[in-house]
Amino acid sequence: MARHFVCKEGRQPDIVVSGINHGSNTSISVLYSGTMSAAIEGAIEGTPAIGFSLCDYSHKAGFSHTPEIVKKITQQALSKHLPKGVALNVNIPPKRNEAVKGIRICRQANAKWAEEFVERYDPNGRSYFWMTGNFVNFDKGEDNDEWAIANNYVSVVPCQFDLTAHQAIPILNEDWEILG
């Protein structure tokens, strides 16, 4: 982590803030996010950390409504603290005619990217494949990040770096015959 180069020996940063990412990092997208990787790295090092994203891919995306939100959430993380090993994944809805309704603590939505590959050709006639696809949301709950953004709320999802599927451990221990 950069703190080893920036901070004097024995010092720890007060907080790691990554972003604002230009585009959504909701749901499964958190796994592909450099913005959230930086925040998770902070959490691994024991530093409170937040990754911010604006859910707008437009080249003319309006960021003017984001500073107040970033400041408010960052101040809360500094004053109220975060649990050890937790980074916040914050997604801010795009600028609309109406003000953001508020901030919601959420869970990650159950969604994925349905990938498609299109064969294309470069100017020399060599083929290559371009990945496209659509985002598919399977989650109909009102307590997840996709719902929050769709309903003009800022979503805050606490994330951790341990991806262990703890519920699968006893199943594998009981059912798998290769274990010894």
C-alpha atoms as a PDB file:
ATOM      1  CA  MET A   1       0.000   0.000   0.000  1.00  0.00           C
ATOM      2  CA  ALA A   2       1.160   3.548  -0.707  1.00  0.00           C
ATOM      3  CA  ARG A   3       1.117   4.356   3.009  1.00  0.00           C
ATOM      4  CA  HIS A   4       4.503   2.650   3.313  1.00  0.00           C
ATOM      5  CA  PHE A   5       5.916   5.373   1.069  1.00  0.00           C
ATOM      6  CA  VAL A   6       3.800   8.353   2.111  1.00  0.00           C
ATOM      7  CA  CYS A   7       3.459   7.997   5.872  1.00  0.00           C
ATOM      8  CA  LYS A   8       6.331   8.159   8.289  1.00  0.00           C
ATOM      9  CA  GLU A   9       7.205   4.907   9.973  1.00  0.00           C
ATOM     10  CA  GLY A  10       4.577   3.907  12.484  1.00  0.00           C
ATOM     11  CA  ARG A  11       1.924   6.262  11.098  1.00  0.00           C
ATOM     12  CA  GLN A  12      -1.356   5.068   9.728  1.00  0.00           C
ATOM     13  CA  PRO A  13      -3.632   7.065   7.408  1.00  0.00           C
ATOM     14  CA  ASP A  14      -6.875   8.224   8.983  1.00  0.00           C
ATOM     15  CA  ILE A  15      -8.896   7.001   6.004  1.00  0.00           C
ATOM     16  CA  VAL A  16      -8.588   5.736   2.420  1.00  0.00           C
ATOM     17  CA  VAL A  17     -10.988   7.351  -0.046  1.00  0.00           C
ATOM     18  CA  SER A  18     -11.050   5.994  -3.588  1.00  0.00           C
ATOM     19  CA  GLY A  19     -12.960   7.487  -6.516  1.00  0.00           C
ATOM     20  CA  ILE A  20     -15.204   9.034  -7.568  1.00  0.00           C
ATOM     21  CA  ASN A  21     -15.474   6.283 -10.144  1.00  0.00           C
ATOM     22  CA  HIS A  22     -17.260   7.323 -13.337  1.00  0.00           C
ATOM     23  CA  GLY A  23     -19.845   4.531 -13.587  1.00  0.00           C
ATOM     24  CA  SER A  24     -21.633   2.112 -11.308  1.00  0.00           C
ATOM     25  CA  ASN A  25     -19.982  -0.324  -8.917  1.00  0.00           C
ATOM     26  CA  THR A  26     -23.207  -1.857  -7.662  1.00  0.00           C
ATOM     27  CA  SER A  27     -23.896  -5.557  -7.238  1.00  0.00           C
ATOM     28  CA  ILE A  28     -21.403  -7.935  -8.876  1.00  0.00           C
ATOM     29  CA  SER A  29     -19.527  -5.031 -10.471  1.00  0.00           C
ATOM     30  CA  VAL A  30     -17.723  -4.521  -7.168  1.00  0.00           C
ATOM     31  CA  LEU A  31     -15.580  -7.560  -8.078  1.00  0.00           C
ATOM     32  CA  TYR A  32     -14.258  -5.849 -11.228  1.00  0.00           C
ATOM     33  CA  SER A  33     -13.691  -2.451  -9.667  1.00  0.00           C
ATOM     34  CA  GLY A  34     -10.297  -0.814  -9.298  1.00  0.00           C
ATOM     35  CA  THR A  35     -11.979   1.841  -7.156  1.00  0.00           C
ATOM     36  CA  MET A  36     -13.159  -0.789  -4.700  1.00  0.00           C
ATOM     37  CA  SER A  37      -9.869  -2.689  -4.889  1.00  0.00           C
ATOM     38  CA  ALA A  38      -8.143   0.401  -3.508  1.00  0.00           C
ATOM     39  CA  ALA A  39     -10.716   0.670  -0.714  1.00  0.00           C
ATOM     40  CA  ILE A  40     -10.459  -3.051   0.101  1.00  0.00           C
ATOM     41  CA  GLU A  41      -6.673  -2.721   0.245  1.00  0.00           C
ATOM     42  CA  GLY A  42      -7.151  -0.001   2.858  1.00  0.00           C
ATOM     43  CA  ALA A  43      -9.419  -2.303   4.861  1.00  0.00           C
ATOM     44  CA  ILE A  44      -6.852  -5.115   4.633  1.00  0.00           C
ATOM     45  CA  GLU A  45      -4.294  -2.719   6.127  1.00  0.00           C
ATOM     46  CA  GLY A  46      -6.688  -1.857   8.964  1.00  0.00           C
ATOM     47  CA  THR A  47      -7.546   1.619   7.689  1.00  0.00           C
ATOM     48  CA  PRO A  48     -11.136   2.821   7.357  1.00  0.00           C
ATOM     49  CA  ALA A  49     -11.843   2.902   3.632  1.00  0.00           C
ATOM     50  CA  ILE A  50     -14.531   4.017   1.196  1.00  0.00           C
ATOM     51  CA  GLY A  51     -14.908   3.602  -2.565  1.00  0.00           C
ATOM     52  CA  PHE A  52     -17.192   6.168  -4.221  1.00  0.00           C
ATOM     53  CA  SER A  53     -18.873   5.741  -7.620  1.00  0.00           C
ATOM     54  CA  LEU A  54     -21.266   7.865  -9.637  1.00  0.00           C
ATOM     55  CA  CYS A  55     -23.809   5.677 -11.435  1.00  0.00           C
ATOM     56  CA  ASP A  56     -23.596   7.629 -14.683  1.00  0.00           C
ATOM     57  CA  TYR A  57     -21.569   6.497 -17.700  1.00  0.00           C
ATOM     58  CA  SER A  58     -22.281   9.614 -19.767  1.00  0.00           C
ATOM     59  CA  HIS A  59     -19.311  11.669 -20.972  1.00  0.00           C
ATOM     60  CA  LYS A  60     -21.256  14.671 -19.706  1.00  0.00           C
ATOM     61  CA  ALA A  61     -22.041  13.156 -16.302  1.00  0.00           C
ATOM     62  CA  GLY A  62     -22.793  15.762 -13.674  1.00  0.00           C
ATOM     63  CA  PHE A  63     -20.697  15.425 -10.531  1.00  0.00           C
ATOM     64  CA  SER A  64     -21.850  18.666  -8.871  1.00  0.00           C
ATOM     65  CA  HIS A  65     -24.136  16.855  -6.393  1.00  0.00           C
ATOM     66  CA  THR A  66     -21.426  14.448  -5.179  1.00  0.00           C
ATOM     67  CA  PRO A  67     -19.098  16.534  -2.928  1.00  0.00           C
ATOM     68  CA  GLU A  68     -21.677  16.981  -0.161  1.00  0.00           C
ATOM     69  CA  ILE A  69     -22.439  13.238  -0.171  1.00  0.00           C
ATOM     70  CA  VAL A  70     -18.750  12.273  -0.140  1.00  0.00           C
ATOM     71  CA  LYS A  71     -18.072  14.701   2.708  1.00  0.00           C
ATOM     72  CA  LYS A  72     -21.042  13.507   4.783  1.00  0.00           C
ATOM     73  CA  ILE A  73     -20.193   9.795   4.482  1.00  0.00           C
ATOM     74  CA  THR A  74     -16.452  10.351   4.991  1.00  0.00           C
ATOM     75  CA  GLN A  75     -17.079  12.418   8.133  1.00  0.00           C
ATOM     76  CA  GLN A  76     -19.332   9.667   9.513  1.00  0.00           C
ATOM     77  CA  ALA A  77     -16.686   7.019   8.814  1.00  0.00           C
ATOM     78  CA  LEU A  78     -14.087   9.120  10.624  1.00  0.00           C
ATOM     79  CA  SER A  79     -16.222  10.032  13.641  1.00  0.00           C
ATOM     80  CA  LYS A  80     -18.261   6.845  14.110  1.00  0.00           C
ATOM     81  CA  HIS A  81     -15.606   4.449  12.795  1.00  0.00           C
ATOM     82  CA  LEU A  82     -15.994   1.331  10.677  1.00  0.00           C
ATOM     83  CA  PRO A  83     -15.717  -2.265  11.828  1.00  0.00           C
ATOM     84  CA  LYS A  84     -12.230  -3.675  11.288  1.00  0.00           C
ATOM     85  CA  GLY A  85     -11.738  -5.136   7.823  1.00  0.00           C
ATOM     86  CA  VAL A  86     -14.781  -3.366   6.341  1.00  0.00           C
ATOM     87  CA  ALA A  87     -14.723  -0.987   3.384  1.00  0.00           C
ATOM     88  CA  LEU A  88     -17.766   0.914   2.214  1.00  0.00           C
ATOM     89  CA  ASN A  89     -18.919   0.663  -1.390  1.00  0.00           C
ATOM     90  CA  VAL A  90     -20.829   3.904  -2.012  1.00  0.00           C
ATOM     91  CA  ASN A  91     -22.802   4.413  -5.212  1.00  0.00           C
ATOM     92  CA  ILE A  92     -24.341   7.790  -5.951  1.00  0.00           C
ATOM     93  CA  PRO A  93     -27.300   8.096  -8.329  1.00  0.00           C
ATOM     94  CA  PRO A  94     -26.889  10.223 -11.447  1.00  0.00           C
ATOM     95  CA  LYS A  95     -27.785  13.898 -11.271  1.00  0.00           C
ATOM     96  CA  ARG A  96     -31.514  14.249 -11.928  1.00  0.00           C
ATOM     97  CA  ASN A  97     -34.055  17.046 -11.780  1.00  0.00           C
ATOM     98  CA  GLU A  98     -34.975  15.985  -8.250  1.00  0.00           C
ATOM     99  CA  ALA A  99     -32.550  15.944  -5.338  1.00  0.00           C
ATOM    100  CA  VAL A 100     -31.168  12.656  -4.035  1.00  0.00           C
ATOM    101  CA  LYS A 101     -33.744  11.261  -1.569  1.00  0.00           C
ATOM    102  CA  GLY A 102     -31.242  10.125   1.027  1.00  0.00           C
ATOM    103  CA  ILE A 103     -28.666   7.501   1.926  1.00  0.00           C
ATOM    104  CA  ARG A 104     -29.442   3.804   2.449  1.00  0.00           C
ATOM    105  CA  ILE A 105     -27.285   1.126   4.054  1.00  0.00           C
ATOM    106  CA  CYS A 106     -27.812  -1.824   1.699  1.00  0.00           C
ATOM    107  CA  ARG A 107     -26.701  -5.253   0.713  1.00  0.00           C
ATOM    108  CA  GLN A 108     -25.252  -6.150  -2.661  1.00  0.00           C
ATOM    109  CA  ALA A 109     -27.965  -7.037  -5.190  1.00  0.00           C
ATOM    110  CA  ASN A 110     -28.078 -10.495  -6.744  1.00  0.00           C
ATOM    111  CA  ALA A 111     -27.296  -9.572 -10.346  1.00  0.00           C
ATOM    112  CA  LYS A 112     -24.738 -10.351 -13.031  1.00  0.00           C
ATOM    113  CA  TRP A 113     -23.467  -9.395 -16.442  1.00  0.00           C
ATOM    114  CA  ALA A 114     -24.759 -11.626 -19.247  1.00  0.00           C
ATOM    115  CA  GLU A 115     -21.727 -11.480 -21.529  1.00  0.00           C
ATOM    116  CA  GLU A 116     -21.835 -11.706 -25.284  1.00  0.00           C
ATOM    117  CA  PHE A 117     -18.908 -11.682 -27.688  1.00  0.00           C
ATOM    118  CA  VAL A 118     -19.023 -10.068 -31.101  1.00  0.00           C
ATOM    119  CA  GLU A 119     -16.443 -10.922 -33.755  1.00  0.00           C
ATOM    120  CA  ARG A 120     -14.955  -7.805 -35.333  1.00  0.00           C
ATOM    121  CA  TYR A 121     -12.138  -7.136 -37.770  1.00  0.00           C
ATOM    122  CA  ASP A 122      -9.266  -4.693 -37.487  1.00  0.00           C
ATOM    123  CA  PRO A 123      -8.118  -2.545 -40.468  1.00  0.00           C
ATOM    124  CA  ASN A 124      -5.792  -5.386 -41.560  1.00  0.00           C
ATOM    125  CA  GLY A 125      -8.639  -7.895 -41.710  1.00  0.00           C
ATOM    126  CA  ARG A 126      -7.606  -9.790 -38.561  1.00  0.00           C
ATOM    127  CA  SER A 127     -10.490 -10.908 -36.403  1.00  0.00           C
ATOM    128  CA  TYR A 128     -10.830 -10.096 -32.726  1.00  0.00           C
ATOM    129  CA  PHE A 129     -13.647 -10.415 -30.225  1.00  0.00           C
ATOM    130  CA  TRP A 130     -15.335  -7.529 -28.474  1.00  0.00           C
ATOM    131  CA  MET A 131     -17.126  -8.272 -25.223  1.00  0.00           C
ATOM    132  CA  THR A 132     -20.572  -6.754 -24.803  1.00  0.00           C
ATOM    133  CA  GLY A 133     -23.514  -7.757 -22.711  1.00  0.00           C
ATOM    134  CA  ASN A 134     -26.373  -6.719 -20.530  1.00  0.00           C
ATOM    135  CA  PHE A 135     -26.729  -6.296 -16.804  1.00  0.00           C
ATOM    136  CA  VAL A 136     -29.369  -8.675 -15.418  1.00  0.00           C
ATOM    137  CA  ASN A 137     -30.825  -8.006 -11.974  1.00  0.00           C
ATOM    138  CA  PHE A 138     -32.464 -11.062 -10.377  1.00  0.00           C
ATOM    139  CA  ASP A 139     -33.046  -9.294  -7.069  1.00  0.00           C
ATOM    140  CA  LYS A 140     -36.516  -7.914  -6.356  1.00  0.00           C
ATOM    141  CA  GLY A 141     -35.727  -6.796  -2.798  1.00  0.00           C
ATOM    142  CA  GLU A 142     -35.914  -3.199  -1.617  1.00  0.00           C
ATOM    143  CA  ASP A 143     -32.857  -3.471   0.612  1.00  0.00           C
ATOM    144  CA  ASN A 144     -30.155  -3.723  -2.063  1.00  0.00           C
ATOM    145  CA  ASP A 145     -27.901  -1.298  -3.899  1.00  0.00           C
ATOM    146  CA  GLU A 146     -29.613  -1.640  -7.278  1.00  0.00           C
ATOM    147  CA  TRP A 147     -32.997  -0.772  -5.764  1.00  0.00           C
ATOM    148  CA  ALA A 148     -31.516   2.211  -3.921  1.00  0.00           C
ATOM    149  CA  ILE A 149     -29.933   3.689  -7.060  1.00  0.00           C
ATOM    150  CA  ALA A 150     -33.068   3.054  -9.159  1.00  0.00           C
ATOM    151  CA  ASN A 151     -35.086   4.909  -6.524  1.00  0.00           C
ATOM    152  CA  ASN A 152     -32.684   7.884  -6.298  1.00  0.00           C
ATOM    153  CA  TYR A 153     -30.954   6.950  -3.029  1.00  0.00           C
ATOM    154  CA  VAL A 154     -27.232   6.756  -2.368  1.00  0.00           C
ATOM    155  CA  SER A 155     -26.366   3.127  -1.605  1.00  0.00           C
ATOM    156  CA  VAL A 156     -23.784   2.211   1.032  1.00  0.00           C
ATOM    157  CA  VAL A 157     -22.757  -1.446   1.076  1.00  0.00           C
ATOM    158  CA  PRO A 158     -20.294  -2.613   3.747  1.00  0.00           C
ATOM    159  CA  CYS A 159     -17.803  -4.966   2.040  1.00  0.00           C
ATOM    160  CA  GLN A 160     -15.152  -7.327   3.320  1.00  0.00           C
ATOM    161  CA  PHE A 161     -12.206  -9.033   1.684  1.00  0.00           C
ATOM    162  CA  ASP A 162     -12.950 -12.535   2.998  1.00  0.00           C
ATOM    163  CA  LEU A 163     -14.953 -14.141   0.179  1.00  0.00           C
ATOM    164  CA  THR A 164     -15.187 -17.520   1.920  1.00  0.00           C
ATOM    165  CA  ALA A 165     -18.595 -19.157   1.462  1.00  0.00           C
ATOM    166  CA  HIS A 166     -18.786 -20.234   5.097  1.00  0.00           C
ATOM    167  CA  GLN A 167     -22.124 -22.011   4.612  1.00  0.00           C
ATOM    168  CA  ALA A 168     -20.470 -24.333   2.046  1.00  0.00           C
ATOM    169  CA  ILE A 169     -17.714 -25.619   4.346  1.00  0.00           C
ATOM    170  CA  PRO A 170     -19.869 -28.134   6.297  1.00  0.00           C
ATOM    171  CA  ILE A 171     -21.575 -29.286   3.091  1.00  0.00           C
ATOM    172  CA  LEU A 172     -18.255 -29.978   1.394  1.00  0.00           C
ATOM    173  CA  ASN A 173     -16.854 -31.643   4.519  1.00  0.00           C
ATOM    174  CA  GLU A 174     -19.873 -33.958   4.705  1.00  0.00           C
ATOM    175  CA  ASP A 175     -20.481 -34.748   1.040  1.00  0.00           C
ATOM    176  CA  TRP A 176     -17.133 -34.780  -0.694  1.00  0.00           C
ATOM    177  CA  GLU A 177     -15.454 -38.168  -0.795  1.00  0.00           C
ATOM    178  CA  ILE A 178     -12.034 -36.854  -1.818  1.00  0.00           C
ATOM    179  CA  LEU A 179     -11.253 -35.380   1.579  1.00  0.00           C
ATOM    180  CA  GLY A 180      -9.034 -37.272   3.924  1.00  0.00           C
END
